[in-house]
């Protein structure tokens, strides 16, 4: 996994944690401990954003070198002893 994959995974986990904390707030209200948990989740979000800014840019894949294939005719000697038993040139077949 790349650092960006890990950051995305951490971001999704943080979003799930934020949803869970919102649900807990319904049960515990605005107690001191609930506010601490909420603040901790916010701090994690801030820290994750800072890490994302520090992450190196993903490497750019080099463009593949294109191979130029000439349009000229092939040497007929390459195919003199070749058998065409699978293609349209088979003696017992017709073109569609």
Protein backbone atom coordinates (compact mmCIF):
# COMPACT_ATOMS: atom_id res chain seq x y z
CA UNK A 1 0.00 0.00 0.00
CA UNK A 2 1.16 3.50 -0.69
CA UNK A 3 1.16 6.27 1.86
CA UNK A 4 -1.87 7.76 0.10
CA UNK A 5 -3.75 4.46 0.37
CA UNK A 6 -2.97 4.37 4.10
CA UNK A 7 -4.09 7.98 4.52
CA UNK A 8 -7.35 7.24 2.72
CA UNK A 9 -7.90 4.19 4.91
CA UNK A 10 -7.23 6.25 8.05
CA UNK A 11 -9.63 8.95 6.81
CA UNK A 12 -12.41 6.41 6.32
CA UNK A 13 -11.76 4.96 9.78
CA UNK A 14 -11.90 8.46 11.25
CA UNK A 15 -15.22 9.14 9.52
CA UNK A 16 -16.61 5.91 11.01
CA UNK A 17 -15.32 6.96 14.43
CA UNK A 18 -16.96 10.38 14.08
CA UNK A 19 -20.31 8.70 13.31
CA UNK A 20 -19.94 6.41 16.32
CA UNK A 21 -19.10 9.33 18.61
CA UNK A 22 -22.19 11.21 17.39
CA UNK A 23 -24.24 8.17 18.36
CA UNK A 24 -22.60 8.00 21.78
CA UNK A 25 -23.44 11.65 22.36
CA UNK A 26 -27.11 10.75 22.15
CA UNK A 27 -26.61 8.34 25.07
CA UNK A 28 -24.15 10.29 27.22
CA UNK A 29 -25.10 13.86 26.43
CA UNK A 30 -22.56 16.64 27.01
CA UNK A 31 -20.68 15.04 29.88
CA UNK A 32 -17.04 15.91 30.47
CA UNK A 33 -15.85 12.52 29.20
CA UNK A 34 -18.00 12.80 26.09
CA UNK A 35 -16.54 16.23 25.31
CA UNK A 36 -13.04 14.78 25.74
CA UNK A 37 -13.79 11.97 23.30
CA UNK A 38 -15.25 14.47 20.83
CA UNK A 39 -12.18 16.72 21.15
CA UNK A 40 -9.87 13.73 20.69
CA UNK A 41 -11.63 12.79 17.46
CA UNK A 42 -11.34 16.38 16.22
CA UNK A 43 -7.63 16.37 17.08
CA UNK A 44 -7.17 13.14 15.13
CA UNK A 45 -8.79 14.78 12.11
CA UNK A 46 -6.46 17.76 12.37
CA UNK A 47 -3.39 15.52 12.75
CA UNK A 48 -4.45 13.42 9.79
CA UNK A 49 -4.85 16.54 7.64
CA UNK A 50 -1.33 17.65 8.63
CA UNK A 51 0.08 14.24 7.72
CA UNK A 52 -1.66 14.40 4.36
CA UNK A 53 0.11 17.71 3.65
CA UNK A 54 3.47 16.14 4.53
CA UNK A 55 2.98 13.04 2.39
CA UNK A 56 5.18 12.86 -0.70
CA UNK A 57 3.52 13.21 -4.06
CA UNK A 58 2.82 9.87 -5.71
CA UNK A 59 5.45 9.04 -8.30
CA UNK A 60 4.46 9.67 -11.88
CA UNK A 61 4.70 6.54 -13.98
CA UNK A 62 7.00 7.05 -16.96
CA UNK A 63 5.32 7.02 -20.34
CA UNK A 64 6.06 3.80 -22.20
CA UNK A 65 8.33 4.18 -25.18
CA UNK A 66 6.36 3.61 -28.37
CA UNK A 67 7.75 1.14 -30.83
CA UNK A 68 7.34 2.13 -34.46
CA UNK A 69 6.42 -0.81 -36.67
CA UNK A 70 6.91 -0.16 -40.38
CA UNK A 71 3.93 -0.65 -42.69
CA UNK A 72 5.96 -2.47 -45.33
CA UNK A 73 5.26 -6.03 -46.51
CA UNK A 74 6.60 -8.96 -44.52
CA UNK A 75 9.13 -11.31 -46.01
CA UNK A 76 7.06 -14.13 -47.61
CA UNK A 77 9.74 -16.66 -46.62
CA UNK A 78 8.63 -16.25 -43.01
CA UNK A 79 5.36 -18.03 -43.80
CA UNK A 80 6.31 -20.60 -46.46
CA UNK A 81 6.15 -23.64 -44.15
CA UNK A 82 3.39 -22.36 -41.86
CA UNK A 83 0.13 -24.33 -41.63
CA UNK A 84 -3.09 -22.37 -41.36
CA UNK A 85 -5.41 -24.94 -39.76
CA UNK A 86 -7.15 -22.54 -37.39
CA UNK A 87 -7.92 -19.46 -39.43
CA UNK A 88 -10.02 -18.62 -42.46
CA UNK A 89 -7.40 -20.01 -44.78
CA UNK A 90 -8.13 -23.63 -43.80
CA UNK A 91 -9.04 -25.64 -46.93
CA UNK A 92 -12.39 -26.92 -45.58
CA UNK A 93 -13.71 -23.58 -44.28
CA UNK A 94 -15.38 -20.55 -45.81
CA UNK A 95 -15.27 -16.95 -44.74
CA UNK A 96 -18.30 -15.82 -42.73
